[in-house]
Amino acid sequence: MTGRKNSETQRLVKAIVVLIRNTTWRCGKLERLIVGYLNKRTRWFGKPQMTVDDMISNFKLTGKKKNEFLDAIRRLERRNIIRILAM
C-alpha cells in the first residue's frame, strides 16, 4: 500500500498546477498561500501554471511540511480552484 501511495506522490510532484479561480473562501492558510502565489505569478509572468516541484522549492518545504503542502494541493483540486495536469 505504501508503494502505491509513494508513486502517486511522485506523480503529483512532477505535475503542473494550473489556477482556475482566484478564490480562497473557506480555505486554510496554506491553501491561501498557494492560490496567492499562483495569482501573483499570473500578474508577473502571465502564466497561471507552475510545476509542483518548483513550488516546493520556492516555499522551501521538507518532511512533514511537504506532505501538508501536497494535501493542500489535493484539497484545492477537489474544490475546483486549481487543476493538476500530469506530465
Protein backbone atom coordinates (compact mmCIF):
# COMPACT_ATOMS: atom_id res chain seq x y z
CA MET A 1 0.00 0.00 0.00
CA THR A 2 2.84 2.42 0.69
CA GLY A 3 4.27 1.71 -2.77
CA ARG A 4 1.08 2.87 -4.43
CA LYS A 5 0.84 5.97 -2.28
CA ASN A 6 4.52 6.77 -2.85
CA SER A 7 4.19 6.51 -6.64
CA GLU A 8 1.06 8.66 -6.51
CA THR A 9 3.00 11.31 -4.57
CA GLN A 10 5.87 11.20 -7.07
CA ARG A 11 3.41 11.73 -9.93
CA LEU A 12 1.94 14.70 -8.08
CA VAL A 13 5.36 16.25 -7.51
CA LYS A 14 6.12 16.09 -11.24
CA ALA A 15 2.71 17.51 -12.24
CA ILE A 16 1.76 21.03 -13.32
CA VAL A 17 -0.70 23.08 -11.27
CA VAL A 18 -2.98 25.49 -13.16
CA LEU A 19 -5.00 28.17 -11.37
CA ILE A 20 -8.65 28.10 -12.45
CA ARG A 21 -10.28 30.50 -9.99
CA ASN A 22 -8.78 33.08 -7.68
CA THR A 23 -10.91 32.36 -4.65
CA THR A 24 -9.88 31.35 -1.14
CA TRP A 25 -13.27 31.17 0.50
CA ARG A 26 -13.25 28.53 3.27
CA CYS A 27 -9.59 27.71 2.66
CA GLY A 28 -6.84 27.31 5.21
CA LYS A 29 -3.67 29.34 5.49
CA LEU A 30 -1.59 27.07 3.26
CA GLU A 31 -4.25 26.96 0.55
CA ARG A 32 -4.40 30.77 0.60
CA LEU A 33 -0.62 30.93 0.17
CA ILE A 34 -0.75 28.58 -2.82
CA VAL A 35 -3.58 30.45 -4.56
CA GLY A 36 -1.98 33.81 -3.79
CA TYR A 37 1.35 32.67 -5.18
CA LEU A 38 -0.23 31.39 -8.41
CA ASN A 39 -2.23 34.62 -8.73
CA LYS A 40 0.89 36.78 -8.30
CA ARG A 41 2.69 34.63 -10.85
CA THR A 42 -0.17 35.27 -13.27
CA ARG A 43 0.27 39.03 -12.84
CA TRP A 44 4.07 38.89 -13.17
CA PHE A 45 4.52 36.40 -15.99
CA GLY A 46 1.05 35.90 -17.47
CA LYS A 47 1.10 32.15 -16.83
CA PRO A 48 -1.22 30.78 -14.11
CA GLN A 49 0.67 27.48 -14.05
CA MET A 50 3.72 26.06 -12.33
CA THR A 51 5.16 22.65 -11.53
CA VAL A 52 4.61 21.32 -8.03
CA ASP A 53 8.33 20.66 -7.66
CA ASP A 54 9.13 24.33 -8.34
CA MET A 55 6.52 25.41 -5.81
CA ILE A 56 8.00 23.11 -3.17
CA SER A 57 11.45 24.56 -3.77
CA ASN A 58 10.14 28.16 -3.72
CA PHE A 59 8.29 27.58 -0.43
CA LYS A 60 11.40 25.69 0.90
CA LEU A 61 9.37 22.73 2.19
CA THR A 62 10.76 19.48 3.58
CA GLY A 63 9.44 16.50 5.52
CA LYS A 64 6.06 16.91 7.18
CA LYS A 65 5.50 20.38 5.70
CA LYS A 66 5.94 18.92 2.21
CA ASN A 67 3.24 16.32 2.90
CA GLU A 68 0.89 19.02 4.22
CA PHE A 69 1.58 21.05 1.08
CA LEU A 70 0.69 18.11 -1.18
CA ASP A 71 -2.51 17.52 0.80
CA ALA A 72 -3.42 21.20 0.37
CA ILE A 73 -2.88 20.89 -3.39
CA ARG A 74 -5.24 17.89 -3.47
CA ARG A 75 -7.88 19.79 -1.44
CA LEU A 76 -7.70 22.75 -3.84
CA GLU A 77 -8.20 20.40 -6.77
CA ARG A 78 -11.25 18.84 -5.11
CA ARG A 79 -12.71 22.36 -4.70
CA ASN A 80 -12.06 23.10 -8.40
CA ILE A 81 -9.80 26.05 -7.61
CA ILE A 82 -6.78 24.52 -9.34
CA ARG A 83 -6.28 21.75 -11.88
CA ILE A 84 -3.44 19.23 -11.71
CA LEU A 85 -2.06 18.21 -15.11
CA ALA A 86 0.19 15.15 -15.28
CA MET A 87 3.42 15.46 -17.23
